[in-house]
Amino acid sequence: MTRYQDLCKALDDARSNFAGYRSECVLFAAALSRGFVEYSGWPRDQVAYETSYEAIAGPGGPSVTQKPEEAMWLGEDGFWHLRIRLGLQAKERDLIRLEVRLKKLETRYIVSLFGVEDYEVAAPTSEELQQVYDSILGAIRRHYENGLRLFLENGGRGLKVQISAARLVDMAAGKGSGAA
């Protein structure tokens, strides 16, 4: 084998390794969202499967898709980024968008929520992800229970699922625009 052929083989191996890594992270993202729906008892018709993932940024800009692999993009921080969309139905429909960052290291995954909380999990099982699920549920509850008060007091600081003036107006009008 020539040195050139050796480099070509190294390139092929690198491509294969990255494709495998990406595939593992896509499966983790899908398991995370499906597990959350099951853990929380979320009605399947309100998960908004037709728009259950949203790319935050990356090539092509924001987009909505049913497939996590189409919404995920690899950031310069080494994390895969995506947004999970969850529909809630009380008197009026609402939409919550959860920003998630994740990456796989040798023996564990790192899941980052809300830009402030990181969790290490060995595998995408409901037992391993329970803390992540509880954090998401608590953040959504706090968003609804304390959002108006915290917005009026300090612009909404202290909320993991952010709130804004436009968000409050949309919520009151039943527009369900989702957290920005």
C-alpha atoms as a PDB file:
ATOM      1  CA  MET A   1       0.000   0.000   0.000  1.00  0.00           C
ATOM      2  CA  THR A   2       1.368   3.409  -0.932  1.00  0.00           C
ATOM      3  CA  ARG A   3       1.326   6.364   1.434  1.00  0.00           C
ATOM      4  CA  TYR A   4      -1.399   7.909  -0.713  1.00  0.00           C
ATOM      5  CA  GLN A   5      -3.526   4.768  -0.446  1.00  0.00           C
ATOM      6  CA  ASP A   6      -2.931   4.802   3.299  1.00  0.00           C
ATOM      7  CA  LEU A   7      -4.318   8.362   3.446  1.00  0.00           C
ATOM      8  CA  CYS A   8      -7.338   7.344   1.360  1.00  0.00           C
ATOM      9  CA  LYS A   9      -8.019   4.484   3.774  1.00  0.00           C
ATOM     10  CA  ALA A  10      -7.717   6.880   6.735  1.00  0.00           C
ATOM     11  CA  LEU A  11     -10.282   9.158   5.057  1.00  0.00           C
ATOM     12  CA  ASP A  12     -12.684   6.282   4.463  1.00  0.00           C
ATOM     13  CA  ASP A  13     -12.288   5.162   8.088  1.00  0.00           C
ATOM     14  CA  ALA A  14     -12.905   8.706   9.366  1.00  0.00           C
ATOM     15  CA  ARG A  15     -16.082   8.983   7.285  1.00  0.00           C
ATOM     16  CA  SER A  16     -17.310   5.635   8.547  1.00  0.00           C
ATOM     17  CA  ASN A  17     -16.539   6.519  12.179  1.00  0.00           C
ATOM     18  CA  PHE A  18     -18.358   9.847  11.938  1.00  0.00           C
ATOM     19  CA  ALA A  19     -21.391   8.263  10.244  1.00  0.00           C
ATOM     20  CA  GLY A  20     -21.588   5.692  13.051  1.00  0.00           C
ATOM     21  CA  TYR A  21     -21.230   8.392  15.702  1.00  0.00           C
ATOM     22  CA  ARG A  22     -23.952  10.512  14.120  1.00  0.00           C
ATOM     23  CA  SER A  23     -26.250   7.501  13.874  1.00  0.00           C
ATOM     24  CA  GLU A  24     -25.794   6.730  17.585  1.00  0.00           C
ATOM     25  CA  CYS A  25     -26.622  10.340  18.493  1.00  0.00           C
ATOM     26  CA  VAL A  26     -29.712  10.360  16.240  1.00  0.00           C
ATOM     27  CA  LEU A  27     -30.961   7.169  17.916  1.00  0.00           C
ATOM     28  CA  PHE A  28     -30.309   8.731  21.320  1.00  0.00           C
ATOM     29  CA  ALA A  29     -32.291  11.878  20.396  1.00  0.00           C
ATOM     30  CA  ALA A  30     -35.218   9.781  19.152  1.00  0.00           C
ATOM     31  CA  ALA A  31     -35.153   7.598  22.285  1.00  0.00           C
ATOM     32  CA  LEU A  32     -34.981  10.713  24.493  1.00  0.00           C
ATOM     33  CA  SER A  33     -38.080  12.276  22.945  1.00  0.00           C
ATOM     34  CA  ARG A  34     -40.083   9.027  22.770  1.00  0.00           C
ATOM     35  CA  GLY A  35     -39.116   8.170  26.344  1.00  0.00           C
ATOM     36  CA  PHE A  36     -40.179  11.599  27.555  1.00  0.00           C
ATOM     37  CA  VAL A  37     -43.596  11.202  25.938  1.00  0.00           C
ATOM     38  CA  GLU A  38     -44.052   7.829  27.622  1.00  0.00           C
ATOM     39  CA  TYR A  39     -42.627   8.919  31.001  1.00  0.00           C
ATOM     40  CA  SER A  40     -44.849  11.974  31.232  1.00  0.00           C
ATOM     41  CA  GLY A  41     -48.001  10.279  29.937  1.00  0.00           C
ATOM     42  CA  TRP A  42     -48.215  12.834  27.112  1.00  0.00           C
ATOM     43  CA  PRO A  43     -51.162  12.093  24.810  1.00  0.00           C
ATOM     44  CA  ARG A  44     -49.700  10.896  21.524  1.00  0.00           C
ATOM     45  CA  ASP A  45     -51.952  13.177  19.471  1.00  0.00           C
ATOM     46  CA  GLN A  46     -50.484  16.224  21.250  1.00  0.00           C
ATOM     47  CA  VAL A  47     -46.837  15.445  20.603  1.00  0.00           C
ATOM     48  CA  ALA A  48     -47.293  17.068  17.193  1.00  0.00           C
ATOM     49  CA  TYR A  49     -45.562  14.270  15.296  1.00  0.00           C
ATOM     50  CA  GLU A  50     -45.885  16.171  12.068  1.00  0.00           C
ATOM     51  CA  THR A  51     -43.672  18.893  13.593  1.00  0.00           C
ATOM     52  CA  SER A  52     -41.923  17.150  16.440  1.00  0.00           C
ATOM     53  CA  TYR A  53     -38.359  18.367  15.762  1.00  0.00           C
ATOM     54  CA  GLU A  54     -37.031  21.719  14.720  1.00  0.00           C
ATOM     55  CA  ALA A  55     -33.529  22.678  13.668  1.00  0.00           C
ATOM     56  CA  ILE A  56     -32.365  25.649  15.734  1.00  0.00           C
ATOM     57  CA  ALA A  57     -29.785  26.829  13.230  1.00  0.00           C
ATOM     58  CA  GLY A  58     -27.087  25.329  11.093  1.00  0.00           C
ATOM     59  CA  PRO A  59     -27.031  24.817   7.351  1.00  0.00           C
ATOM     60  CA  GLY A  60     -30.244  25.970   5.723  1.00  0.00           C
ATOM     61  CA  GLY A  61     -31.498  27.808   8.806  1.00  0.00           C
ATOM     62  CA  PRO A  62     -34.526  26.877  10.919  1.00  0.00           C
ATOM     63  CA  SER A  63     -36.687  23.998   9.696  1.00  0.00           C
ATOM     64  CA  VAL A  64     -39.386  21.682  11.043  1.00  0.00           C
ATOM     65  CA  THR A  65     -39.351  17.924  10.513  1.00  0.00           C
ATOM     66  CA  GLN A  66     -40.587  14.590  11.817  1.00  0.00           C
ATOM     67  CA  LYS A  67     -37.089  13.142  11.876  1.00  0.00           C
ATOM     68  CA  PRO A  68     -34.454  14.046  14.461  1.00  0.00           C
ATOM     69  CA  GLU A  69     -31.663  13.428  11.947  1.00  0.00           C
ATOM     70  CA  GLU A  70     -33.018  16.239   9.771  1.00  0.00           C
ATOM     71  CA  ALA A  71     -33.161  18.682  12.685  1.00  0.00           C
ATOM     72  CA  MET A  72     -29.809  17.884  14.309  1.00  0.00           C
ATOM     73  CA  TRP A  73     -26.714  19.863  13.452  1.00  0.00           C
ATOM     74  CA  LEU A  74     -23.250  19.638  14.896  1.00  0.00           C
ATOM     75  CA  GLY A  75     -22.126  22.880  16.524  1.00  0.00           C
ATOM     76  CA  GLU A  76     -18.615  24.161  17.016  1.00  0.00           C
ATOM     77  CA  ASP A  77     -19.044  23.278  20.710  1.00  0.00           C
ATOM     78  CA  GLY A  78     -19.005  19.555  19.815  1.00  0.00           C
ATOM     79  CA  PHE A  79     -22.702  19.078  20.660  1.00  0.00           C
ATOM     80  CA  TRP A  80     -25.542  18.065  18.391  1.00  0.00           C
ATOM     81  CA  HIS A  81     -28.272  20.727  18.586  1.00  0.00           C
ATOM     82  CA  LEU A  82     -32.001  20.327  18.012  1.00  0.00           C
ATOM     83  CA  ARG A  83     -35.315  21.524  19.316  1.00  0.00           C
ATOM     84  CA  ILE A  84     -38.092  19.146  20.399  1.00  0.00           C
ATOM     85  CA  ARG A  85     -41.625  20.462  19.953  1.00  0.00           C
ATOM     86  CA  LEU A  86     -44.394  19.406  22.350  1.00  0.00           C
ATOM     87  CA  GLY A  87     -48.049  20.344  21.982  1.00  0.00           C
ATOM     88  CA  LEU A  88     -50.242  20.861  25.052  1.00  0.00           C
ATOM     89  CA  GLN A  89     -54.012  21.054  24.957  1.00  0.00           C
ATOM     90  CA  ALA A  90     -55.883  22.697  27.812  1.00  0.00           C
ATOM     91  CA  LYS A  91     -58.671  25.092  26.793  1.00  0.00           C
ATOM     92  CA  GLU A  92     -56.486  26.232  23.915  1.00  0.00           C
ATOM     93  CA  ARG A  93     -53.543  24.514  22.250  1.00  0.00           C
ATOM     94  CA  ASP A  94     -50.007  25.591  23.144  1.00  0.00           C
ATOM     95  CA  LEU A  95     -46.606  24.606  21.851  1.00  0.00           C
ATOM     96  CA  ILE A  96     -43.449  24.294  23.913  1.00  0.00           C
ATOM     97  CA  ARG A  97     -40.082  24.166  22.198  1.00  0.00           C
ATOM     98  CA  LEU A  98     -37.250  22.531  24.152  1.00  0.00           C
ATOM     99  CA  GLU A  99     -33.696  23.172  23.074  1.00  0.00           C
ATOM    100  CA  VAL A 100     -31.488  20.144  23.564  1.00  0.00           C
ATOM    101  CA  ARG A 101     -27.769  19.641  23.041  1.00  0.00           C
ATOM    102  CA  LEU A 102     -26.216  16.197  23.203  1.00  0.00           C
ATOM    103  CA  LYS A 103     -23.025  14.348  22.461  1.00  0.00           C
ATOM    104  CA  LYS A 104     -21.640  10.890  22.981  1.00  0.00           C
ATOM    105  CA  LEU A 105     -18.321  10.325  24.645  1.00  0.00           C
ATOM    106  CA  GLU A 106     -16.646   6.936  24.975  1.00  0.00           C
ATOM    107  CA  THR A 107     -18.865   5.476  27.719  1.00  0.00           C
ATOM    108  CA  ARG A 108     -21.645   8.019  28.199  1.00  0.00           C
ATOM    109  CA  TYR A 109     -23.847  10.652  26.655  1.00  0.00           C
ATOM    110  CA  ILE A 110     -23.982  14.271  27.776  1.00  0.00           C
ATOM    111  CA  VAL A 111     -27.418  15.903  27.543  1.00  0.00           C
ATOM    112  CA  SER A 112     -27.604  19.655  27.993  1.00  0.00           C
ATOM    113  CA  LEU A 113     -30.959  21.337  28.606  1.00  0.00           C
ATOM    114  CA  PHE A 114     -31.835  25.014  28.655  1.00  0.00           C
ATOM    115  CA  GLY A 115     -28.179  25.935  28.229  1.00  0.00           C
ATOM    116  CA  VAL A 116     -27.545  25.504  31.963  1.00  0.00           C
ATOM    117  CA  GLU A 117     -28.096  21.876  32.969  1.00  0.00           C
ATOM    118  CA  ASP A 118     -25.908  18.978  31.888  1.00  0.00           C
ATOM    119  CA  TYR A 119     -26.700  15.342  32.581  1.00  0.00           C
ATOM    120  CA  GLU A 120     -24.491  12.316  32.031  1.00  0.00           C
ATOM    121  CA  VAL A 121     -26.249   9.099  31.102  1.00  0.00           C
ATOM    122  CA  ALA A 122     -24.834   5.726  30.133  1.00  0.00           C
ATOM    123  CA  ALA A 123     -27.653   4.774  27.752  1.00  0.00           C
ATOM    124  CA  PRO A 124     -30.968   6.181  26.506  1.00  0.00           C
ATOM    125  CA  THR A 125     -33.158   4.200  28.918  1.00  0.00           C
ATOM    126  CA  SER A 126     -36.040   5.572  30.962  1.00  0.00           C
ATOM    127  CA  GLU A 127     -34.140   4.863  34.185  1.00  0.00           C
ATOM    128  CA  GLU A 128     -31.041   6.726  33.000  1.00  0.00           C
ATOM    129  CA  LEU A 129     -33.063   9.630  31.617  1.00  0.00           C
ATOM    130  CA  GLN A 130     -35.489  10.092  34.532  1.00  0.00           C
ATOM    131  CA  GLN A 131     -33.599  13.140  35.877  1.00  0.00           C
ATOM    132  CA  VAL A 132     -33.687  14.718  32.419  1.00  0.00           C
ATOM    133  CA  TYR A 133     -37.423  14.072  32.099  1.00  0.00           C
ATOM    134  CA  ASP A 134     -38.150  15.450  35.577  1.00  0.00           C
ATOM    135  CA  SER A 135     -36.137  18.582  34.789  1.00  0.00           C
ATOM    136  CA  ILE A 136     -38.113  19.157  31.583  1.00  0.00           C
ATOM    137  CA  LEU A 137     -41.457  18.661  33.325  1.00  0.00           C
ATOM    138  CA  GLY A 138     -40.450  21.012  36.151  1.00  0.00           C
ATOM    139  CA  ALA A 139     -39.284  23.691  33.713  1.00  0.00           C
ATOM    140  CA  ILE A 140     -42.553  23.579  31.761  1.00  0.00           C
ATOM    141  CA  ARG A 141     -44.607  23.739  34.951  1.00  0.00           C
ATOM    142  CA  ARG A 142     -42.576  26.725  36.207  1.00  0.00           C
ATOM    143  CA  HIS A 143     -42.976  28.417  32.821  1.00  0.00           C
ATOM    144  CA  TYR A 144     -46.755  28.309  33.161  1.00  0.00           C
ATOM    145  CA  GLU A 145     -47.086  28.819  36.923  1.00  0.00           C
ATOM    146  CA  ASN A 146     -44.547  31.616  37.389  1.00  0.00           C
ATOM    147  CA  GLY A 147     -43.941  33.008  33.913  1.00  0.00           C
ATOM    148  CA  LEU A 148     -46.101  36.116  34.203  1.00  0.00           C
ATOM    149  CA  ARG A 149     -44.832  37.030  37.663  1.00  0.00           C
ATOM    150  CA  LEU A 150     -41.183  36.502  36.750  1.00  0.00           C
ATOM    151  CA  PHE A 151     -41.621  38.424  33.509  1.00  0.00           C
ATOM    152  CA  LEU A 152     -43.120  41.401  35.364  1.00  0.00           C
ATOM    153  CA  GLU A 153     -40.481  41.288  38.113  1.00  0.00           C
ATOM    154  CA  ASN A 154     -37.322  40.730  36.114  1.00  0.00           C
ATOM    155  CA  GLY A 155     -37.997  40.110  32.440  1.00  0.00           C
ATOM    156  CA  GLY A 156     -38.502  36.390  32.933  1.00  0.00           C
ATOM    157  CA  ARG A 157     -35.043  35.590  34.281  1.00  0.00           C
ATOM    158  CA  GLY A 158     -35.098  32.409  36.308  1.00  0.00           C
ATOM    159  CA  LEU A 159     -37.162  30.456  33.804  1.00  0.00           C
ATOM    160  CA  LYS A 160     -35.570  27.601  31.923  1.00  0.00           C
ATOM    161  CA  VAL A 161     -38.311  27.656  29.284  1.00  0.00           C
ATOM    162  CA  GLN A 162     -38.122  31.353  28.507  1.00  0.00           C
ATOM    163  CA  ILE A 163     -41.024  33.769  28.348  1.00  0.00           C
ATOM    164  CA  SER A 164     -41.364  37.071  26.549  1.00  0.00           C
ATOM    165  CA  ALA A 165     -43.998  39.757  26.086  1.00  0.00           C
ATOM    166  CA  ALA A 166     -44.957  38.277  22.718  1.00  0.00           C
ATOM    167  CA  ARG A 167     -45.162  34.798  24.257  1.00  0.00           C
ATOM    168  CA  LEU A 168     -47.480  36.038  27.046  1.00  0.00           C
ATOM    169  CA  VAL A 169     -49.750  37.792  24.556  1.00  0.00           C
ATOM    170  CA  ASP A 170     -49.903  34.692  22.350  1.00  0.00           C
ATOM    171  CA  MET A 171     -50.625  32.436  25.344  1.00  0.00           C
ATOM    172  CA  ALA A 172     -53.447  34.703  26.505  1.00  0.00           C
ATOM    173  CA  ALA A 173     -54.899  34.773  22.989  1.00  0.00           C
ATOM    174  CA  GLY A 174     -54.664  30.983  22.702  1.00  0.00           C
ATOM    175  CA  LYS A 175     -52.350  31.180  19.711  1.00  0.00           C
ATOM    176  CA  GLY A 176     -49.933  28.539  20.974  1.00  0.00           C
ATOM    177  CA  SER A 177     -46.900  30.051  19.316  1.00  0.00           C
ATOM    178  CA  GLY A 178     -44.523  28.270  21.651  1.00  0.00           C
ATOM    179  CA  ALA A 179     -41.680  29.410  23.831  1.00  0.00           C
ATOM    180  CA  ALA A 180     -39.113  31.479  22.027  1.00  0.00           C
END
